[in-house]
Protein backbone atom coordinates (compact mmCIF):
# COMPACT_ATOMS: atom_id res chain seq x y z
CA MET A 1 85.68 124.97 162.36
CA ARG A 2 88.25 127.60 163.26
CA GLN A 3 90.67 126.95 166.13
CA VAL A 4 93.60 128.90 167.52
CA VAL A 5 96.28 126.95 169.34
CA LEU A 6 97.50 129.37 171.98
CA ASP A 7 100.32 129.73 174.49
CA THR A 8 101.60 132.52 176.73
CA GLU A 9 104.76 133.24 178.70
CA THR A 10 104.57 135.25 181.92
CA THR A 11 106.65 136.99 184.59
CA GLY A 12 105.61 134.39 187.16
CA LEU A 13 102.94 131.89 188.09
CA GLU A 14 100.16 133.89 189.74
CA PRO A 15 98.19 136.75 188.17
CA GLU A 16 96.69 137.38 191.62
CA ALA A 17 100.20 138.31 192.80
CA GLY A 18 100.56 140.88 190.03
CA HIS A 19 102.36 138.74 187.48
CA ARG A 20 101.85 139.67 183.83
CA ILE A 21 101.97 138.24 180.31
CA ILE A 22 105.19 138.88 178.37
CA GLU A 23 104.55 136.82 175.22
CA ILE A 24 101.54 135.50 173.31
CA GLY A 25 101.74 133.00 170.46
CA GLY A 26 98.82 131.66 168.42
CA VAL A 27 98.54 129.31 165.43
CA GLU A 28 95.37 129.17 163.34
CA ILE A 29 93.77 125.86 162.30
CA VAL A 30 90.67 125.72 160.07
CA ASN A 31 88.84 122.41 159.66
CA ARG A 32 91.89 120.58 161.06
CA ARG A 33 94.11 122.24 158.45
CA PRO A 34 96.91 124.48 159.74
CA THR A 35 96.88 127.79 157.89
CA GLN A 36 99.78 130.21 157.64
CA LYS A 37 98.12 132.72 159.98
CA THR A 38 99.76 133.26 163.34
CA PHE A 39 99.66 135.81 166.15
CA HIS A 40 102.89 136.58 167.98
CA ARG A 41 103.69 139.50 170.25
CA TYR A 42 106.19 140.21 173.00
CA ILE A 43 104.74 142.47 175.69
CA ASN A 44 106.28 144.85 178.19
CA PRO A 45 104.83 143.67 181.54
CA GLU A 46 105.66 146.92 183.34
CA ARG A 47 107.27 144.90 186.10
CA ALA A 48 110.27 142.63 186.60
CA VAL A 49 110.43 139.02 185.45
CA ASP A 50 110.88 136.55 188.31
CA ALA A 51 114.13 134.57 188.34
CA GLY A 52 112.25 131.27 188.23
CA ALA A 53 110.27 132.31 185.16
CA LEU A 54 113.43 133.57 183.46
CA GLU A 55 114.94 130.09 183.77
CA VAL A 56 111.92 128.66 181.94
CA HIS A 57 111.64 131.03 178.96
CA GLY A 58 114.85 133.11 178.99
CA ILE A 59 113.01 136.38 178.26
CA ASP A 60 114.63 139.09 180.40
CA ASN A 61 113.64 142.59 181.47
CA GLU A 62 116.07 144.32 179.11
CA PHE A 63 114.61 142.53 176.06
CA LEU A 64 111.08 143.59 177.03
CA GLU A 65 111.82 147.27 177.71
CA ASP A 66 110.92 148.54 174.23
CA LYS A 67 107.99 146.18 173.60
CA PRO A 68 104.36 147.37 173.55
CA VAL A 69 102.23 147.06 176.68
CA PHE A 70 99.22 144.73 176.66
CA ALA A 71 96.76 147.58 176.06
CA ASP A 72 98.48 148.26 172.74
CA VAL A 73 97.95 144.71 171.43
CA ALA A 74 94.65 143.80 173.14
CA SER A 75 92.31 144.73 170.28
CA GLU A 76 94.50 142.99 167.69
CA PHE A 77 94.60 139.87 169.84
CA LEU A 78 90.83 139.84 170.30
CA GLU A 79 90.31 140.25 166.57
CA PHE A 80 92.50 137.20 165.95
CA VAL A 81 90.82 134.88 168.48
CA THR A 82 87.17 135.98 168.69
CA GLY A 83 84.82 133.23 167.50
CA ALA A 84 87.53 130.57 167.47
CA GLU A 85 87.99 127.62 169.78
CA LEU A 86 91.20 128.15 171.75
CA VAL A 87 93.31 125.01 172.09
CA ILE A 88 95.54 125.46 175.15
CA HIS A 89 97.67 123.13 177.27
CA ASN A 90 96.62 123.74 180.88
CA ALA A 91 94.04 126.26 179.74
CA ASP A 92 93.07 127.62 183.15
CA PHE A 93 96.57 129.08 183.58
CA ASP A 94 96.60 131.03 180.30
CA ILE A 95 92.94 132.11 180.51
CA ALA A 96 93.46 133.43 184.06
CA PHE A 97 96.40 135.55 182.87
CA LEU A 98 94.56 136.83 179.81
CA ASN A 99 91.49 137.77 181.84
CA SER A 100 93.72 139.48 184.39
CA GLU A 101 95.27 141.58 181.62
CA PHE A 102 91.87 142.52 180.21
CA ALA A 103 90.62 143.39 183.71
CA ARG A 104 93.24 146.15 183.83
CA LEU A 105 91.71 147.80 180.77
CA GLU A 106 88.74 150.14 180.65
CA ASP A 107 86.64 147.56 178.77
CA SER A 108 87.12 144.34 180.74
CA VAL A 109 86.76 141.11 178.73
CA ASP A 110 86.29 137.49 179.74
CA VAL A 111 88.04 135.45 177.06
CA ARG A 112 85.59 132.56 177.50
CA ASP A 113 82.76 134.88 176.41
CA ARG A 114 84.54 135.43 173.09
CA CYS A 115 85.94 131.93 172.46
CA GLY A 116 85.42 128.29 173.17
CA VAL A 117 88.27 126.66 175.09
CA LEU A 118 89.69 123.15 174.73
CA ASP A 119 92.25 122.10 177.34
CA THR A 120 94.69 119.59 175.82
CA LEU A 121 96.12 118.76 179.25
CA ALA A 122 92.70 117.59 180.46
CA LEU A 123 92.22 115.72 177.18
CA ALA A 124 95.61 114.02 177.49
CA ARG A 125 94.91 112.99 181.08
CA ARG A 126 91.70 111.28 179.96
CA MET A 127 93.49 109.55 177.09
CA HIS A 128 96.63 108.61 179.06
CA PRO A 129 95.70 108.29 182.75
CA GLY A 130 98.62 107.87 185.12
CA GLN A 131 101.19 108.96 182.51
CA ARG A 132 103.22 112.14 182.10
CA ASN A 133 101.24 114.56 179.94
CA SER A 134 103.46 117.62 179.70
CA LEU A 135 103.91 119.09 176.23
CA ASP A 136 107.38 117.54 176.00
CA ALA A 137 106.05 114.13 177.05
CA LEU A 138 103.21 114.29 174.51
CA ALA A 139 105.55 115.39 171.73
CA LYS A 140 107.76 112.39 172.47
CA ARG A 141 104.78 110.02 172.70
CA TYR A 142 103.36 111.17 169.36
CA GLU A 143 106.76 111.54 167.67
CA VAL A 144 106.41 115.28 167.12
CA ASP A 145 109.75 117.06 166.67
CA ALA A 146 110.33 119.34 169.66
CA SER A 147 114.13 119.47 169.35
CA ALA A 148 114.08 123.28 168.99
CA ARG A 149 112.44 123.63 172.41
CA GLU A 150 115.47 124.30 174.59
CA LEU A 151 113.47 127.01 176.38
CA HIS A 152 109.75 127.71 176.43
CA GLY A 153 108.50 130.17 173.80
CA ALA A 154 104.86 131.03 173.16
CA LEU A 155 104.82 130.71 169.36
CA LEU A 156 107.15 127.70 169.27
CA ASP A 157 105.12 125.92 171.94
CA ALA A 158 101.87 126.76 170.10
CA ARG A 159 103.27 125.22 166.90
CA ILE A 160 104.36 122.06 168.73
CA LEU A 161 101.01 121.82 170.54
CA ALA A 162 99.13 122.26 167.27
CA GLU A 163 100.87 119.26 165.76
CA VAL A 164 100.50 117.20 168.95
CA TYR A 165 96.79 118.05 169.12
CA LEU A 166 96.14 117.10 165.50
CA VAL A 167 97.95 113.78 165.84
CA MET A 168 96.40 113.07 169.25
CA THR A 169 92.86 113.65 167.99
CA GLY A 170 93.09 112.34 164.46
CA GLY A 171 96.37 110.60 163.80
CA GLN A 172 97.02 112.77 160.73
CA VAL A 173 97.68 116.31 159.51
CA SER A 174 101.13 117.69 160.25
CA LEU A 175 102.04 121.36 160.14
CA SER A 176 104.20 120.39 157.18
CA LEU A 177 100.98 120.34 155.11
CA GLU A 178 101.08 124.13 155.02
CA GLY A 179 103.29 124.16 151.95
CA GLN A 180 101.48 121.47 150.00
CA SER A 181 99.05 122.02 147.15
CA GLU A 182 95.43 120.94 147.39
CA SER A 183 96.07 118.07 144.97
CA GLN A 184 98.95 116.82 147.12
CA ARG A 185 96.84 116.94 150.26
CA THR A 186 93.95 115.20 148.52
CA ALA A 187 96.28 112.45 147.29
CA GLU A 188 97.48 111.82 150.84
CA LEU A 189 93.91 111.55 152.09
CA ARG A 190 92.65 109.26 149.31
CA ILE A 191 90.62 106.35 150.67
CA GLU A 192 91.08 102.93 149.14
CA ARG A 193 87.96 100.82 149.46
CA ILE A 194 88.26 97.06 149.95
CA ASP A 195 86.19 94.63 147.88
CA ARG A 196 84.40 92.48 150.48
CA ASP A 197 82.50 90.27 147.99
CA GLY A 198 83.03 86.65 148.91
CA LEU A 199 84.77 87.55 152.16
CA ALA A 200 83.87 85.12 154.94
CA LEU A 201 84.91 85.62 158.55
CA HIS A 202 85.53 82.58 160.71
CA VAL A 203 84.11 82.87 164.23
CA ARG A 204 85.95 80.72 166.76
CA ARG A 205 83.86 79.79 169.79
CA ALA A 206 85.39 79.29 173.21
CA SER A 207 85.81 75.68 174.23
CA ALA A 208 84.20 74.29 177.38
CA GLU A 209 87.62 74.26 179.10
CA GLU A 210 88.27 77.91 178.13
CA ARG A 211 84.87 78.91 179.49
CA ARG A 212 85.59 77.14 182.80
CA GLU A 213 88.95 78.93 183.10
CA HIS A 214 87.31 82.26 182.34
CA ALA A 215 84.57 81.67 184.93
CA ALA A 216 87.25 80.90 187.55
CA PHE A 217 89.12 84.08 186.63
CA VAL A 218 85.96 86.22 186.96
CA ALA A 219 85.14 84.60 190.29
CA GLY A 220 88.64 85.44 191.52
CA LEU A 221 88.20 89.10 190.56
CA ALA A 222 84.84 89.23 192.37
CA GLU A 223 86.41 87.75 195.50
CA GLN A 224 89.29 90.26 195.45
CA SER A 225 87.01 93.26 194.94
CA GLY A 226 84.33 92.13 197.38
CA ALA A 227 81.59 92.88 194.84
CA PRO A 228 79.77 90.81 192.20
CA ALA A 229 81.43 90.79 188.79
CA LEU A 230 79.53 92.71 186.11
CA TRP A 231 80.20 89.84 183.72
CA ASP A 232 77.90 87.58 185.73
CA ALA A 233 75.02 90.02 185.19
CA LEU A 234 75.29 89.66 181.41
CA GLU A 235 73.45 87.08 179.38
CA ASP A 236 75.54 84.19 178.13
CA PRO A 237 77.45 85.90 175.25
CA GLN A 238 78.07 82.75 173.21
CA PRO A 239 77.48 79.03 173.30
CA ALA A 240 80.35 76.72 174.01
CA ALA A 241 82.15 75.10 171.11
CA ASP A 242 81.19 71.58 170.28
């Protein structure tokens, strides 16, 4: 499976208000293995960068003056991402900007027609409800080094997100594997099988007193919620201990 972890930086927050993309960064992952292929371009937005956006990414108008416009990089970008699953944090934001850029061209493109899209923000919210799920918060939670992220940057953020995503969805595979040989990677992934012959597991049954305490606890929950407890609808899961 081929994935591209993607991020963009923009002149502002709303493509409907005429804001444009100024940077695109993408990191390729194949079968959960980061490759050394990346896509990174700065883009002249043909308009000014808002002050609020400048505080976020630090990319100013003067720096962007001699950069190519989106039309000059569009075909190269499509070639890099077509057929891949895009992994994006808050995907709707980036996809809206990309589609807005393509809508300005003669051959309009909907990115979702060319790529699958996985939103890591939505995934993180399902995995960690009620918690902060920004990229910085996830990097801290999963112990991914984001110390270089003083300002937002599309390629840097894509690299950080790639590592966060791999750890979040598999608990393994760091971008540091890029420089390792196949034998080194295989050694890290070696599975040690446990001999279970003669292994006996002791099952401890709940005592009568423990079952009475549990029944009282379930009854209390039902009273607080005003609805029958689902536990009471189940068959008796185990006999009481002698």
